[in-house]
Amino acid sequence: MCIRDRGNAVHPDIAALYLRHRVVLLAVARSVLRDTPQRDHVEDVVMEVMTSLGERPPTGPVLNWEAFLVRATRNLSLIHI
């Protein structure tokens, strides 16, 4: 799920990652934000995670994208509480 540019740098394919993991990421954000005033911002949190991934991709290899994205979604959801 990564794309290499001409300089041989690796960038994640954000669209493919989003489509593959969106159900899980939405569930994670929903579970964290469930009983808070921010419960309606679940989709915003997931999109913010994906946007930040495009702007600041990981510097090293990611062995498990789902685990990486779940952790990022959980952490960002907690910040929004």
N, C-alpha and C. Protein backbone atom coordinates (compact mmCIF):
# COMPACT_ATOMS: atom_id res chain seq x y z
N MET A 1 0.81 -1.18 0.00
CA MET A 1 0.00 0.00 0.00
C MET A 1 0.86 1.26 0.00
N CYS A 2 1.99 1.17 -0.64
CA CYS A 2 2.88 2.32 -0.69
C CYS A 2 3.24 2.62 -2.13
N ILE A 3 3.58 3.85 -2.36
CA ILE A 3 3.98 4.32 -3.68
C ILE A 3 5.39 4.87 -3.56
N ARG A 4 6.26 4.51 -4.51
CA ARG A 4 7.62 5.04 -4.51
C ARG A 4 7.69 6.18 -5.51
N ASP A 5 8.36 7.26 -5.11
CA ASP A 5 8.55 8.36 -6.05
C ASP A 5 9.91 8.21 -6.73
N ARG A 6 10.27 9.14 -7.56
CA ARG A 6 11.52 9.05 -8.33
C ARG A 6 12.75 9.05 -7.45
N GLY A 7 12.65 9.66 -6.28
CA GLY A 7 13.78 9.69 -5.36
C GLY A 7 13.85 8.43 -4.50
N ASN A 8 13.00 7.45 -4.81
CA ASN A 8 12.95 6.17 -4.12
C ASN A 8 12.36 6.29 -2.71
N ALA A 9 11.72 7.43 -2.41
CA ALA A 9 11.04 7.58 -1.12
C ALA A 9 9.71 6.82 -1.19
N VAL A 10 9.28 6.32 -0.05
CA VAL A 10 8.04 5.55 0.02
C VAL A 10 6.95 6.41 0.66
N HIS A 11 5.81 6.50 -0.02
CA HIS A 11 4.67 7.24 0.50
C HIS A 11 3.46 6.30 0.53
N PRO A 12 2.70 6.30 1.62
CA PRO A 12 1.55 5.41 1.69
C PRO A 12 0.47 5.82 0.70
N ASP A 13 -0.24 4.84 0.17
CA ASP A 13 -1.39 5.08 -0.71
C ASP A 13 -2.59 5.35 0.20
N ILE A 14 -2.83 6.63 0.48
CA ILE A 14 -3.83 7.05 1.45
C ILE A 14 -5.22 6.54 1.09
N ALA A 15 -5.60 6.66 -0.16
CA ALA A 15 -6.94 6.24 -0.58
C ALA A 15 -7.14 4.74 -0.35
N ALA A 16 -6.16 3.94 -0.71
CA ALA A 16 -6.26 2.50 -0.53
C ALA A 16 -6.32 2.13 0.95
N LEU A 17 -5.51 2.80 1.76
CA LEU A 17 -5.53 2.54 3.20
C LEU A 17 -6.88 2.93 3.80
N TYR A 18 -7.41 4.06 3.39
CA TYR A 18 -8.71 4.51 3.90
C TYR A 18 -9.80 3.51 3.53
N LEU A 19 -9.85 3.12 2.27
CA LEU A 19 -10.89 2.19 1.84
C LEU A 19 -10.79 0.84 2.54
N ARG A 20 -9.59 0.40 2.76
CA ARG A 20 -9.39 -0.92 3.38
C ARG A 20 -9.70 -0.92 4.88
N HIS A 21 -9.42 0.18 5.58
CA HIS A 21 -9.51 0.19 7.04
C HIS A 21 -10.58 1.11 7.61
N ARG A 22 -11.37 1.77 6.79
CA ARG A 22 -12.30 2.79 7.29
C ARG A 22 -13.31 2.26 8.28
N VAL A 23 -13.84 1.06 8.08
CA VAL A 23 -14.84 0.53 9.00
C VAL A 23 -14.27 0.37 10.40
N VAL A 24 -13.07 -0.18 10.48
CA VAL A 24 -12.42 -0.36 11.78
C VAL A 24 -12.09 0.99 12.42
N LEU A 25 -11.57 1.92 11.63
CA LEU A 25 -11.19 3.22 12.16
C LEU A 25 -12.40 4.00 12.66
N LEU A 26 -13.49 3.94 11.93
CA LEU A 26 -14.72 4.60 12.37
C LEU A 26 -15.23 3.98 13.67
N ALA A 27 -15.13 2.66 13.79
CA ALA A 27 -15.56 1.98 15.01
C ALA A 27 -14.70 2.39 16.21
N VAL A 28 -13.41 2.51 15.98
CA VAL A 28 -12.50 2.92 17.06
C VAL A 28 -12.84 4.34 17.52
N ALA A 29 -12.96 5.26 16.59
CA ALA A 29 -13.28 6.65 16.95
C ALA A 29 -14.65 6.72 17.62
N ARG A 30 -15.61 5.97 17.11
CA ARG A 30 -16.95 5.96 17.70
C ARG A 30 -16.92 5.44 19.13
N SER A 31 -16.13 4.41 19.39
CA SER A 31 -16.09 3.84 20.74
C SER A 31 -15.45 4.81 21.74
N VAL A 32 -14.46 5.56 21.30
CA VAL A 32 -13.80 6.52 22.19
C VAL A 32 -14.69 7.74 22.43
N LEU A 33 -15.34 8.21 21.39
CA LEU A 33 -16.12 9.45 21.47
C LEU A 33 -17.60 9.22 21.83
N ARG A 34 -17.98 7.99 22.08
CA ARG A 34 -19.37 7.60 22.26
C ARG A 34 -20.16 8.48 23.22
N ASP A 35 -19.71 8.67 24.41
CA ASP A 35 -20.46 9.41 25.42
C ASP A 35 -19.93 10.82 25.65
N THR A 36 -19.40 11.43 24.61
CA THR A 36 -18.84 12.77 24.74
C THR A 36 -19.59 13.72 23.80
N PRO A 37 -19.44 15.01 24.02
CA PRO A 37 -20.06 15.97 23.09
C PRO A 37 -19.49 15.86 21.66
N GLN A 38 -18.33 15.26 21.51
CA GLN A 38 -17.71 15.13 20.19
C GLN A 38 -18.15 13.88 19.44
N ARG A 39 -19.14 13.16 19.93
CA ARG A 39 -19.55 11.89 19.31
C ARG A 39 -19.96 12.05 17.84
N ASP A 40 -20.33 13.26 17.44
CA ASP A 40 -20.72 13.49 16.05
C ASP A 40 -19.53 13.79 15.15
N HIS A 41 -18.33 13.77 15.69
CA HIS A 41 -17.13 14.10 14.93
C HIS A 41 -16.28 12.88 14.57
N VAL A 42 -16.90 11.71 14.59
CA VAL A 42 -16.18 10.46 14.31
C VAL A 42 -15.53 10.50 12.93
N GLU A 43 -16.28 10.85 11.92
CA GLU A 43 -15.74 10.87 10.56
C GLU A 43 -14.64 11.94 10.43
N ASP A 44 -14.81 13.05 11.13
CA ASP A 44 -13.78 14.10 11.08
C ASP A 44 -12.46 13.61 11.65
N VAL A 45 -12.53 12.85 12.73
CA VAL A 45 -11.30 12.32 13.36
C VAL A 45 -10.58 11.39 12.39
N VAL A 46 -11.33 10.49 11.76
CA VAL A 46 -10.70 9.54 10.83
C VAL A 46 -10.10 10.28 9.64
N MET A 47 -10.79 11.27 9.12
CA MET A 47 -10.25 12.03 7.99
C MET A 47 -9.01 12.82 8.42
N GLU A 48 -9.01 13.31 9.64
CA GLU A 48 -7.82 14.03 10.14
C GLU A 48 -6.62 13.09 10.24
N VAL A 49 -6.86 11.86 10.67
CA VAL A 49 -5.78 10.87 10.73
C VAL A 49 -5.22 10.62 9.33
N MET A 50 -6.11 10.43 8.37
CA MET A 50 -5.66 10.13 7.01
C MET A 50 -4.95 11.33 6.39
N THR A 51 -5.44 12.53 6.65
CA THR A 51 -4.80 13.74 6.14
C THR A 51 -3.40 13.91 6.72
N SER A 52 -3.28 13.69 8.02
CA SER A 52 -1.97 13.84 8.65
C SER A 52 -0.99 12.77 8.15
N LEU A 53 -1.51 11.60 7.80
CA LEU A 53 -0.66 10.55 7.25
C LEU A 53 -0.09 11.00 5.90
N GLY A 54 -0.90 11.68 5.11
CA GLY A 54 -0.42 12.18 3.82
C GLY A 54 0.58 13.31 3.98
N GLU A 55 0.34 14.16 4.99
CA GLU A 55 1.23 15.30 5.20
C GLU A 55 2.53 14.92 5.89
N ARG A 56 2.44 13.96 6.81
CA ARG A 56 3.62 13.53 7.57
C ARG A 56 3.67 12.00 7.60
N PRO A 57 4.10 11.37 6.50
CA PRO A 57 4.16 9.91 6.47
C PRO A 57 5.18 9.37 7.47
N PRO A 58 5.02 8.13 7.89
CA PRO A 58 5.99 7.54 8.83
C PRO A 58 7.39 7.54 8.23
N THR A 59 8.37 7.72 9.09
CA THR A 59 9.75 7.77 8.62
C THR A 59 10.35 6.38 8.42
N GLY A 60 9.78 5.38 9.07
CA GLY A 60 10.27 4.02 8.93
C GLY A 60 9.21 3.12 8.34
N PRO A 61 9.54 1.86 8.15
CA PRO A 61 8.56 0.93 7.58
C PRO A 61 7.42 0.66 8.56
N VAL A 62 6.24 0.47 8.03
CA VAL A 62 5.07 0.11 8.83
C VAL A 62 4.74 -1.34 8.50
N LEU A 63 4.85 -2.21 9.49
CA LEU A 63 4.61 -3.63 9.26
C LEU A 63 3.13 -3.99 9.31
N ASN A 64 2.35 -3.21 10.06
CA ASN A 64 0.93 -3.49 10.20
C ASN A 64 0.16 -2.17 10.11
N TRP A 65 -0.35 -1.87 8.92
CA TRP A 65 -1.03 -0.60 8.71
C TRP A 65 -2.29 -0.47 9.56
N GLU A 66 -3.02 -1.56 9.71
CA GLU A 66 -4.24 -1.46 10.50
C GLU A 66 -3.93 -1.09 11.95
N ALA A 67 -2.94 -1.72 12.54
CA ALA A 67 -2.55 -1.40 13.91
C ALA A 67 -2.06 0.05 14.01
N PHE A 68 -1.27 0.47 13.05
CA PHE A 68 -0.76 1.85 13.02
C PHE A 68 -1.91 2.85 12.98
N LEU A 69 -2.88 2.62 12.08
CA LEU A 69 -4.00 3.54 11.92
C LEU A 69 -4.96 3.50 13.10
N VAL A 70 -5.17 2.32 13.69
CA VAL A 70 -6.03 2.21 14.87
C VAL A 70 -5.42 3.01 16.02
N ARG A 71 -4.13 2.85 16.23
CA ARG A 71 -3.47 3.60 17.31
C ARG A 71 -3.57 5.11 17.07
N ALA A 72 -3.32 5.55 15.84
CA ALA A 72 -3.41 6.97 15.52
C ALA A 72 -4.83 7.49 15.71
N THR A 73 -5.82 6.71 15.31
CA THR A 73 -7.22 7.11 15.47
C THR A 73 -7.60 7.17 16.93
N ARG A 74 -7.19 6.20 17.70
CA ARG A 74 -7.50 6.21 19.13
C ARG A 74 -6.85 7.42 19.82
N ASN A 75 -5.58 7.66 19.52
CA ASN A 75 -4.88 8.79 20.13
C ASN A 75 -5.52 10.12 19.76
N LEU A 76 -5.86 10.30 18.50
CA LEU A 76 -6.48 11.55 18.09
C LEU A 76 -7.88 11.70 18.69
N SER A 77 -8.61 10.61 18.80
CA SER A 77 -9.94 10.64 19.43
C SER A 77 -9.83 11.08 20.88
N LEU A 78 -8.83 10.58 21.58
CA LEU A 78 -8.63 10.96 22.98
C LEU A 78 -8.30 12.44 23.12
N ILE A 79 -7.58 12.98 22.16
CA ILE A 79 -7.25 14.40 22.17
C ILE A 79 -8.52 15.24 22.02
N HIS A 80 -9.49 14.73 21.27
CA HIS A 80 -10.73 15.46 21.00
C HIS A 80 -11.72 15.43 22.16
N ILE A 81 -11.46 14.63 23.16
CA ILE A 81 -12.40 14.55 24.29
C ILE A 81 -12.32 15.82 25.12
